[in-house]
Amino acid sequence: MVNVKYIARKYNYRNEEIDASIMRLLEYVRVSPITESMIAESYSSGAPDTEDMIQSLSAKSIGASCVITRDPKGFGLATVPVLSPKEFLESCR
């Protein structure tokens, strides 16, 4: 959610609007934890993008059905399906 707020601020949304939107979003999504072991596994995995690998491991730990990203390149070793926002929205229809 920190990234959501960061990006929204770049587009000049007000904090109140962002916070209200994040609270609505939390009704539909689950925020997964990141642990030390996930970070260590990511760095030892040989993944091209350790940050994306950490996100993948975190998603897997809660049984997430997918990871939604605008940049799927770093998720080459992901064991959770990786979808673009458009693909995700189309799958909801």
PDB file of N, CA and C in Angstrom:
ATOM      1  N   MET A   1       0.817  -1.187   0.000  1.00  0.00           N
ATOM      2  CA  MET A   1       0.000   0.000   0.000  1.00  0.00           C
ATOM      3  C   MET A   1       0.865   1.256   0.000  1.00  0.00           C
ATOM      4  N   VAL A   2       2.063   1.131   0.503  1.00  0.00           N
ATOM      5  CA  VAL A   2       2.982   2.271   0.494  1.00  0.00           C
ATOM      6  C   VAL A   2       3.252   2.698  -0.942  1.00  0.00           C
ATOM      7  N   ASN A   3       3.450   1.722  -1.831  1.00  0.00           N
ATOM      8  CA  ASN A   3       3.699   2.056  -3.232  1.00  0.00           C
ATOM      9  C   ASN A   3       2.487   2.708  -3.881  1.00  0.00           C
ATOM     10  N   VAL A   4       1.295   2.244  -3.525  1.00  0.00           N
ATOM     11  CA  VAL A   4       0.075   2.848  -4.065  1.00  0.00           C
ATOM     12  C   VAL A   4       0.033   4.325  -3.705  1.00  0.00           C
ATOM     13  N   LYS A   5       0.303   4.623  -2.445  1.00  0.00           N
ATOM     14  CA  LYS A   5       0.265   6.017  -2.006  1.00  0.00           C
ATOM     15  C   LYS A   5       1.360   6.839  -2.690  1.00  0.00           C
ATOM     16  N   TYR A   6       2.546   6.278  -2.792  1.00  0.00           N
ATOM     17  CA  TYR A   6       3.663   6.967  -3.442  1.00  0.00           C
ATOM     18  C   TYR A   6       3.307   7.340  -4.882  1.00  0.00           C
ATOM     19  N   ILE A   7       2.757   6.382  -5.626  1.00  0.00           N
ATOM     20  CA  ILE A   7       2.412   6.625  -7.036  1.00  0.00           C
ATOM     21  C   ILE A   7       1.280   7.649  -7.131  1.00  0.00           C
ATOM     22  N   ALA A   8       0.264   7.492  -6.290  1.00  0.00           N
ATOM     23  CA  ALA A   8      -0.869   8.424  -6.330  1.00  0.00           C
ATOM     24  C   ALA A   8      -0.424   9.852  -6.021  1.00  0.00           C
ATOM     25  N   ARG A   9       0.508  10.011  -5.102  1.00  0.00           N
ATOM     26  CA  ARG A   9       1.020  11.352  -4.776  1.00  0.00           C
ATOM     27  C   ARG A   9       1.720  11.972  -5.986  1.00  0.00           C
ATOM     28  N   LYS A  10       2.401  11.152  -6.784  1.00  0.00           N
ATOM     29  CA  LYS A  10       3.065  11.670  -7.985  1.00  0.00           C
ATOM     30  C   LYS A  10       2.059  12.239  -8.984  1.00  0.00           C
ATOM     31  N   TYR A  11       0.811  11.751  -8.919  1.00  0.00           N
ATOM     32  CA  TYR A  11      -0.242  12.228  -9.805  1.00  0.00           C
ATOM     33  C   TYR A  11      -1.105  13.296  -9.129  1.00  0.00           C
ATOM     34  N   ASN A  12      -0.584  13.858  -8.051  1.00  0.00           N
ATOM     35  CA  ASN A  12      -1.200  14.987  -7.350  1.00  0.00           C
ATOM     36  C   ASN A  12      -2.544  14.694  -6.698  1.00  0.00           C
ATOM     37  N   TYR A  13      -2.789  13.442  -6.326  1.00  0.00           N
ATOM     38  CA  TYR A  13      -3.972  13.145  -5.532  1.00  0.00           C
ATOM     39  C   TYR A  13      -3.731  13.615  -4.103  1.00  0.00           C
ATOM     40  N   ARG A  14      -4.775  14.056  -3.447  1.00  0.00           N
ATOM     41  CA  ARG A  14      -4.672  14.504  -2.065  1.00  0.00           C
ATOM     42  C   ARG A  14      -4.577  13.295  -1.137  1.00  0.00           C
ATOM     43  N   ASN A  15      -3.895  13.476  -0.005  1.00  0.00           N
ATOM     44  CA  ASN A  15      -3.742  12.395   0.976  1.00  0.00           C
ATOM     45  C   ASN A  15      -5.085  11.813   1.398  1.00  0.00           C
ATOM     46  N   GLU A  16      -6.078  12.654   1.603  1.00  0.00           N
ATOM     47  CA  GLU A  16      -7.391  12.177   2.039  1.00  0.00           C
ATOM     48  C   GLU A  16      -8.005  11.249   0.995  1.00  0.00           C
ATOM     49  N   GLU A  17      -7.877  11.610  -0.284  1.00  0.00           N
ATOM     50  CA  GLU A  17      -8.413  10.779  -1.366  1.00  0.00           C
ATOM     51  C   GLU A  17      -7.673   9.440  -1.431  1.00  0.00           C
ATOM     52  N   ILE A  18      -6.368   9.520  -1.312  1.00  0.00           N
ATOM     53  CA  ILE A  18      -5.546   8.306  -1.375  1.00  0.00           C
ATOM     54  C   ILE A  18      -5.891   7.383  -0.216  1.00  0.00           C
ATOM     55  N   ASP A  19      -5.936   7.934   0.981  1.00  0.00           N
ATOM     56  CA  ASP A  19      -6.214   7.115   2.161  1.00  0.00           C
ATOM     57  C   ASP A  19      -7.583   6.450   2.067  1.00  0.00           C
ATOM     58  N   ALA A  20      -8.580   7.191   1.625  1.00  0.00           N
ATOM     59  CA  ALA A  20      -9.928   6.626   1.485  1.00  0.00           C
ATOM     60  C   ALA A  20      -9.933   5.508   0.433  1.00  0.00           C
ATOM     61  N   SER A  21      -9.214   5.716  -0.652  1.00  0.00           N
ATOM     62  CA  SER A  21      -9.141   4.693  -1.703  1.00  0.00           C
ATOM     63  C   SER A  21      -8.416   3.444  -1.211  1.00  0.00           C
ATOM     64  N   ILE A  22      -7.358   3.633  -0.452  1.00  0.00           N
ATOM     65  CA  ILE A  22      -6.623   2.485   0.089  1.00  0.00           C
ATOM     66  C   ILE A  22      -7.514   1.704   1.051  1.00  0.00           C
ATOM     67  N   MET A  23      -8.266   2.387   1.873  1.00  0.00           N
ATOM     68  CA  MET A  23      -9.162   1.691   2.800  1.00  0.00           C
ATOM     69  C   MET A  23     -10.218   0.896   2.040  1.00  0.00           C
ATOM     70  N   ARG A  24     -10.731   1.436   0.936  1.00  0.00           N
ATOM     71  CA  ARG A  24     -11.686   0.676   0.100  1.00  0.00           C
ATOM     72  C   ARG A  24     -10.994  -0.519  -0.527  1.00  0.00           C
ATOM     73  N   LEU A  25      -9.783  -0.318  -1.010  1.00  0.00           N
ATOM     74  CA  LEU A  25      -9.026  -1.401  -1.640  1.00  0.00           C
ATOM     75  C   LEU A  25      -8.792  -2.557  -0.671  1.00  0.00           C
ATOM     76  N   LEU A  26      -8.548  -2.226   0.583  1.00  0.00           N
ATOM     77  CA  LEU A  26      -8.301  -3.264   1.591  1.00  0.00           C
ATOM     78  C   LEU A  26      -9.513  -4.152   1.845  1.00  0.00           C
ATOM     79  N   GLU A  27     -10.671  -3.729   1.382  1.00  0.00           N
ATOM     80  CA  GLU A  27     -11.864  -4.585   1.470  1.00  0.00           C
ATOM     81  C   GLU A  27     -11.801  -5.731   0.468  1.00  0.00           C
ATOM     82  N   TYR A  28     -10.933  -5.601  -0.554  1.00  0.00           N
ATOM     83  CA  TYR A  28     -10.884  -6.571  -1.642  1.00  0.00           C
ATOM     84  C   TYR A  28      -9.570  -7.330  -1.760  1.00  0.00           C
ATOM     85  N   VAL A  29      -8.521  -6.830  -1.163  1.00  0.00           N
ATOM     86  CA  VAL A  29      -7.208  -7.463  -1.285  1.00  0.00           C
ATOM     87  C   VAL A  29      -6.669  -7.813   0.092  1.00  0.00           C
ATOM     88  N   ARG A  30      -5.719  -8.712   0.085  1.00  0.00           N
ATOM     89  CA  ARG A  30      -5.042  -9.099   1.316  1.00  0.00           C
ATOM     90  C   ARG A  30      -3.579  -8.703   1.190  1.00  0.00           C
ATOM     91  N   VAL A  31      -3.043  -8.040   2.184  1.00  0.00           N
ATOM     92  CA  VAL A  31      -1.646  -7.619   2.172  1.00  0.00           C
ATOM     93  C   VAL A  31      -0.819  -8.753   2.768  1.00  0.00           C
ATOM     94  N   SER A  32       0.153  -9.217   2.026  1.00  0.00           N
ATOM     95  CA  SER A  32       0.953 -10.353   2.494  1.00  0.00           C
ATOM     96  C   SER A  32       2.231  -9.876   3.176  1.00  0.00           C
ATOM     97  N   PRO A  33       2.680 -10.635   4.171  1.00  0.00           N
ATOM     98  CA  PRO A  33       3.884 -10.245   4.915  1.00  0.00           C
ATOM     99  C   PRO A  33       5.164 -10.546   4.136  1.00  0.00           C
ATOM    100  N   ILE A  34       6.219  -9.876   4.514  1.00  0.00           N
ATOM    101  CA  ILE A  34       7.560 -10.156   3.993  1.00  0.00           C
ATOM    102  C   ILE A  34       8.431 -10.486   5.195  1.00  0.00           C
ATOM    103  N   THR A  35       9.105 -11.619   5.116  1.00  0.00           N
ATOM    104  CA  THR A  35       9.928 -12.073   6.236  1.00  0.00           C
ATOM    105  C   THR A  35      11.407 -12.075   5.859  1.00  0.00           C
ATOM    106  N   GLU A  36      12.245 -12.202   6.879  1.00  0.00           N
ATOM    107  CA  GLU A  36      13.693 -12.308   6.635  1.00  0.00           C
ATOM    108  C   GLU A  36      14.021 -13.495   5.748  1.00  0.00           C
ATOM    109  N   SER A  37      13.350 -14.614   5.979  1.00  0.00           N
ATOM    110  CA  SER A  37      13.654 -15.809   5.182  1.00  0.00           C
ATOM    111  C   SER A  37      13.285 -15.606   3.713  1.00  0.00           C
ATOM    112  N   MET A  38      12.235 -14.854   3.431  1.00  0.00           N
ATOM    113  CA  MET A  38      11.876 -14.556   2.039  1.00  0.00           C
ATOM    114  C   MET A  38      12.950 -13.698   1.380  1.00  0.00           C
ATOM    115  N   ILE A  39      13.448 -12.737   2.126  1.00  0.00           N
ATOM    116  CA  ILE A  39      14.503 -11.875   1.596  1.00  0.00           C
ATOM    117  C   ILE A  39      15.753 -12.700   1.302  1.00  0.00           C
ATOM    118  N   ALA A  40      16.142 -13.561   2.243  1.00  0.00           N
ATOM    119  CA  ALA A  40      17.321 -14.405   2.049  1.00  0.00           C
ATOM    120  C   ALA A  40      17.128 -15.351   0.874  1.00  0.00           C
ATOM    121  N   GLU A  41      15.945 -15.964   0.784  1.00  0.00           N
ATOM    122  CA  GLU A  41      15.676 -16.883  -0.333  1.00  0.00           C
ATOM    123  C   GLU A  41      15.728 -16.154  -1.667  1.00  0.00           C
ATOM    124  N   SER A  42      15.215 -14.935  -1.691  1.00  0.00           N
ATOM    125  CA  SER A  42      15.234 -14.152  -2.918  1.00  0.00           C
ATOM    126  C   SER A  42      16.665 -13.894  -3.389  1.00  0.00           C
ATOM    127  N   TYR A  43      17.513 -13.496  -2.459  1.00  0.00           N
ATOM    128  CA  TYR A  43      18.896 -13.177  -2.827  1.00  0.00           C
ATOM    129  C   TYR A  43      19.692 -14.416  -3.225  1.00  0.00           C
ATOM    130  N   SER A  44      19.309 -15.575  -2.730  1.00  0.00           N
ATOM    131  CA  SER A  44      20.052 -16.788  -3.083  1.00  0.00           C
ATOM    132  C   SER A  44      19.415 -17.534  -4.253  1.00  0.00           C
ATOM    133  N   SER A  45      18.294 -17.033  -4.763  1.00  0.00           N
ATOM    134  CA  SER A  45      17.553 -17.741  -5.813  1.00  0.00           C
ATOM    135  C   SER A  45      18.131 -17.580  -7.215  1.00  0.00           C
ATOM    136  N   GLY A  46      18.925 -16.542  -7.416  1.00  0.00           N
ATOM    137  CA  GLY A  46      19.410 -16.259  -8.770  1.00  0.00           C
ATOM    138  C   GLY A  46      18.385 -15.533  -9.620  1.00  0.00           C
ATOM    139  N   ALA A  47      17.295 -15.079  -9.004  1.00  0.00           N
ATOM    140  CA  ALA A  47      16.261 -14.355  -9.737  1.00  0.00           C
ATOM    141  C   ALA A  47      16.839 -13.052 -10.285  1.00  0.00           C
ATOM    142  N   PRO A  48      16.394 -12.645 -11.470  1.00  0.00           N
ATOM    143  CA  PRO A  48      16.923 -11.410 -12.068  1.00  0.00           C
ATOM    144  C   PRO A  48      16.539 -10.152 -11.307  1.00  0.00           C
ATOM    145  N   ASP A  49      15.453 -10.205 -10.549  1.00  0.00           N
ATOM    146  CA  ASP A  49      14.996  -9.035  -9.799  1.00  0.00           C
ATOM    147  C   ASP A  49      14.613  -9.498  -8.395  1.00  0.00           C
ATOM    148  N   THR A  50      15.472  -9.221  -7.427  1.00  0.00           N
ATOM    149  CA  THR A  50      15.239  -9.730  -6.070  1.00  0.00           C
ATOM    150  C   THR A  50      13.971  -9.149  -5.449  1.00  0.00           C
ATOM    151  N   GLU A  51      13.669  -7.891  -5.730  1.00  0.00           N
ATOM    152  CA  GLU A  51      12.451  -7.296  -5.171  1.00  0.00           C
ATOM    153  C   GLU A  51      11.209  -8.024  -5.673  1.00  0.00           C
ATOM    154  N   ASP A  52      11.166  -8.316  -6.968  1.00  0.00           N
ATOM    155  CA  ASP A  52      10.022  -9.037  -7.524  1.00  0.00           C
ATOM    156  C   ASP A  52       9.950 -10.460  -6.967  1.00  0.00           C
ATOM    157  N   MET A  53      11.091 -11.084  -6.757  1.00  0.00           N
ATOM    158  CA  MET A  53      11.105 -12.429  -6.188  1.00  0.00           C
ATOM    159  C   MET A  53      10.577 -12.404  -4.756  1.00  0.00           C
ATOM    160  N   ILE A  54      10.940 -11.388  -3.995  1.00  0.00           N
ATOM    161  CA  ILE A  54      10.415 -11.253  -2.625  1.00  0.00           C
ATOM    162  C   ILE A  54       8.891 -11.144  -2.673  1.00  0.00           C
ATOM    163  N   GLN A  55       8.372 -10.347  -3.588  1.00  0.00           N
ATOM    164  CA  GLN A  55       6.922 -10.205  -3.714  1.00  0.00           C
ATOM    165  C   GLN A  55       6.272 -11.532  -4.087  1.00  0.00           C
ATOM    166  N   SER A  56       6.904 -12.278  -4.983  1.00  0.00           N
ATOM    167  CA  SER A  56       6.386 -13.574  -5.389  1.00  0.00           C
ATOM    168  C   SER A  56       6.352 -14.550  -4.212  1.00  0.00           C
ATOM    169  N   LEU A  57       7.428 -14.586  -3.445  1.00  0.00           N
ATOM    170  CA  LEU A  57       7.489 -15.479  -2.284  1.00  0.00           C
ATOM    171  C   LEU A  57       6.444 -15.085  -1.237  1.00  0.00           C
ATOM    172  N   SER A  58       6.254 -13.796  -1.053  1.00  0.00           N
ATOM    173  CA  SER A  58       5.259 -13.315  -0.112  1.00  0.00           C
ATOM    174  C   SER A  58       3.853 -13.718  -0.562  1.00  0.00           C
ATOM    175  N   ALA A  59       3.575 -13.543  -1.841  1.00  0.00           N
ATOM    176  CA  ALA A  59       2.265 -13.931  -2.385  1.00  0.00           C
ATOM    177  C   ALA A  59       2.036 -15.428  -2.214  1.00  0.00           C
ATOM    178  N   LYS A  60       3.060 -16.212  -2.495  1.00  0.00           N
ATOM    179  CA  LYS A  60       2.948 -17.667  -2.352  1.00  0.00           C
ATOM    180  C   LYS A  60       2.660 -18.056  -0.906  1.00  0.00           C
ATOM    181  N   SER A  61       3.260 -17.345   0.047  1.00  0.00           N
ATOM    182  CA  SER A  61       3.108 -17.699   1.462  1.00  0.00           C
ATOM    183  C   SER A  61       1.672 -17.582   1.955  1.00  0.00           C
ATOM    184  N   ILE A  62       0.856 -16.770   1.308  1.00  0.00           N
ATOM    185  CA  ILE A  62      -0.546 -16.631   1.725  1.00  0.00           C
ATOM    186  C   ILE A  62      -1.501 -17.335   0.757  1.00  0.00           C
ATOM    187  N   GLY A  63      -0.932 -18.036  -0.223  1.00  0.00           N
ATOM    188  CA  GLY A  63      -1.779 -18.737  -1.179  1.00  0.00           C
ATOM    189  C   GLY A  63      -2.474 -17.813  -2.151  1.00  0.00           C
ATOM    190  N   ALA A  64      -1.816 -16.714  -2.499  1.00  0.00           N
ATOM    191  CA  ALA A  64      -2.412 -15.750  -3.438  1.00  0.00           C
ATOM    192  C   ALA A  64      -2.678 -16.411  -4.782  1.00  0.00           C
ATOM    193  N   SER A  65      -3.757 -16.014  -5.423  1.00  0.00           N
ATOM    194  CA  SER A  65      -4.095 -16.583  -6.720  1.00  0.00           C
ATOM    195  C   SER A  65      -3.250 -15.982  -7.838  1.00  0.00           C
ATOM    196  N   CYS A  66      -2.669 -14.785  -7.600  1.00  0.00           N
ATOM    197  CA  CYS A  66      -1.828 -14.160  -8.616  1.00  0.00           C
ATOM    198  C   CYS A  66      -1.088 -12.970  -8.023  1.00  0.00           C
ATOM    199  N   VAL A  67      -0.115 -12.493  -8.809  1.00  0.00           N
ATOM    200  CA  VAL A  67       0.574 -11.229  -8.546  1.00  0.00           C
ATOM    201  C   VAL A  67       0.187 -10.313  -9.698  1.00  0.00           C
ATOM    202  N   ILE A  68      -0.178  -9.086  -9.395  1.00  0.00           N
ATOM    203  CA  ILE A  68      -0.551  -8.127 -10.432  1.00  0.00           C
ATOM    204  C   ILE A  68       0.564  -7.106 -10.537  1.00  0.00           C
ATOM    205  N   THR A  69       1.101  -6.943 -11.754  1.00  0.00           N
ATOM    206  CA  THR A  69       2.222  -6.018 -11.954  1.00  0.00           C
ATOM    207  C   THR A  69       2.182  -5.429 -13.357  1.00  0.00           C
ATOM    208  N   ARG A  70       2.709  -4.223 -13.482  1.00  0.00           N
ATOM    209  CA  ARG A  70       2.868  -3.611 -14.807  1.00  0.00           C
ATOM    210  C   ARG A  70       4.183  -4.029 -15.444  1.00  0.00           C
ATOM    211  N   ASP A  71       5.048  -4.684 -14.674  1.00  0.00           N
ATOM    212  CA  ASP A  71       6.376  -5.068 -15.169  1.00  0.00           C
ATOM    213  C   ASP A  71       6.660  -6.533 -14.826  1.00  0.00           C
ATOM    214  N   PRO A  72       6.187  -7.459 -15.655  1.00  0.00           N
ATOM    215  CA  PRO A  72       6.324  -8.886 -15.345  1.00  0.00           C
ATOM    216  C   PRO A  72       7.721  -9.466 -15.565  1.00  0.00           C
ATOM    217  N   LYS A  73       8.638  -8.704 -16.147  1.00  0.00           N
ATOM    218  CA  LYS A  73       9.959  -9.236 -16.505  1.00  0.00           C
ATOM    219  C   LYS A  73      10.721  -9.829 -15.325  1.00  0.00           C
ATOM    220  N   GLY A  74      10.607  -9.256 -14.162  1.00  0.00           N
ATOM    221  CA  GLY A  74      11.360  -9.718 -13.006  1.00  0.00           C
ATOM    222  C   GLY A  74      10.762 -10.914 -12.300  1.00  0.00           C
ATOM    223  N   PHE A  75       9.632 -11.414 -12.791  1.00  0.00           N
ATOM    224  CA  PHE A  75       8.947 -12.513 -12.128  1.00  0.00           C
ATOM    225  C   PHE A  75       9.165 -13.844 -12.842  1.00  0.00           C
ATOM    226  N   GLY A  76      10.274 -13.978 -13.524  1.00  0.00           N
ATOM    227  CA  GLY A  76      10.547 -15.186 -14.295  1.00  0.00           C
ATOM    228  C   GLY A  76      10.572 -16.464 -13.476  1.00  0.00           C
ATOM    229  N   LEU A  77      10.960 -16.402 -12.209  1.00  0.00           N
ATOM    230  CA  LEU A  77      11.018 -17.589 -11.361  1.00  0.00           C
ATOM    231  C   LEU A  77       9.803 -17.705 -10.437  1.00  0.00           C
ATOM    232  N   ALA A  78       8.815 -16.868 -10.638  1.00  0.00           N
ATOM    233  CA  ALA A  78       7.637 -16.873  -9.772  1.00  0.00           C
ATOM    234  C   ALA A  78       6.867 -18.175  -9.911  1.00  0.00           C
ATOM    235  N   THR A  79       6.382 -18.667  -8.792  1.00  0.00           N
ATOM    236  CA  THR A  79       5.555 -19.874  -8.812  1.00  0.00           C
ATOM    237  C   THR A  79       4.073 -19.534  -8.679  1.00  0.00           C
ATOM    238  N   VAL A  80       3.767 -18.246  -8.556  1.00  0.00           N
ATOM    239  CA  VAL A  80       2.395 -17.742  -8.523  1.00  0.00           C
ATOM    240  C   VAL A  80       2.152 -17.081  -9.882  1.00  0.00           C
ATOM    241  N   PRO A  81       0.978 -17.290 -10.501  1.00  0.00           N
ATOM    242  CA  PRO A  81       0.711 -16.631 -11.784  1.00  0.00           C
ATOM    243  C   PRO A  81       0.908 -15.124 -11.704  1.00  0.00           C
ATOM    244  N   VAL A  82       1.468 -14.551 -12.757  1.00  0.00           N
ATOM    245  CA  VAL A  82       1.743 -13.118 -12.822  1.00  0.00           C
ATOM    246  C   VAL A  82       0.864 -12.521 -13.919  1.00  0.00           C
ATOM    247  N   LEU A  83       0.060 -11.521 -13.553  1.00  0.00           N
ATOM    248  CA  LEU A  83      -0.868 -10.900 -14.489  1.00  0.00           C
ATOM    249  C   LEU A  83      -0.639  -9.399 -14.565  1.00  0.00           C
ATOM    250  N   SER A  84      -0.880  -8.842 -15.743  1.00  0.00           N
ATOM    251  CA  SER A  84      -0.894  -7.382 -15.871  1.00  0.00           C
ATOM    252  C   SER A  84      -2.213  -6.892 -15.278  1.00  0.00           C
ATOM    253  N   PRO A  85      -2.303  -5.603 -14.951  1.00  0.00           N
ATOM    254  CA  PRO A  85      -3.594  -5.093 -14.458  1.00  0.00           C
ATOM    255  C   PRO A  85      -4.733  -5.373 -15.441  1.00  0.00           C
ATOM    256  N   LYS A  86      -4.471  -5.216 -16.724  1.00  0.00           N
ATOM    257  CA  LYS A  86      -5.499  -5.468 -17.735  1.00  0.00           C
ATOM    258  C   LYS A  86      -5.921  -6.936 -17.725  1.00  0.00           C
ATOM    259  N   GLU A  87      -4.940  -7.847 -17.670  1.00  0.00           N
ATOM    260  CA  GLU A  87      -5.267  -9.273 -17.628  1.00  0.00           C
ATOM    261  C   GLU A  87      -6.082  -9.612 -16.387  1.00  0.00           C
ATOM    262  N   PHE A  88      -5.698  -9.011 -15.265  1.00  0.00           N
ATOM    263  CA  PHE A  88      -6.432  -9.269 -14.029  1.00  0.00           C
ATOM    264  C   PHE A  88      -7.883  -8.812 -14.146  1.00  0.00           C
ATOM    265  N   LEU A  89      -8.082  -7.577 -14.627  1.00  0.00           N
ATOM    266  CA  LEU A  89      -9.444  -7.057 -14.749  1.00  0.00           C
ATOM    267  C   LEU A  89     -10.273  -7.884 -15.717  1.00  0.00           C
ATOM    268  N   GLU A  90      -9.638  -8.339 -16.803  1.00  0.00           N
ATOM    269  CA  GLU A  90     -10.358  -9.180 -17.758  1.00  0.00           C
ATOM    270  C   GLU A  90     -10.739 -10.527 -17.131  1.00  0.00           C
ATOM    271  N   SER A  91      -9.908 -11.031 -16.238  1.00  0.00           N
ATOM    272  CA  SER A  91     -10.208 -12.311 -15.588  1.00  0.00           C
ATOM    273  C   SER A  91     -11.353 -12.192 -14.584  1.00  0.00           C
ATOM    274  N   CYS A  92     -11.670 -10.967 -14.184  1.00  0.00           N
ATOM    275  CA  CYS A  92     -12.751 -10.744 -13.217  1.00  0.00           C
ATOM    276  C   CYS A  92     -14.118 -10.672 -13.870  1.00  0.00           C
ATOM    277  N   ARG A  93     -14.155 -10.604 -15.158  1.00  0.00           N
ATOM    278  CA  ARG A  93     -15.448 -10.469 -15.866  1.00  0.00           C
ATOM    279  C   ARG A  93     -16.217 -11.752 -15.866  1.00  0.00           C
TER     280      ARG A  93
END
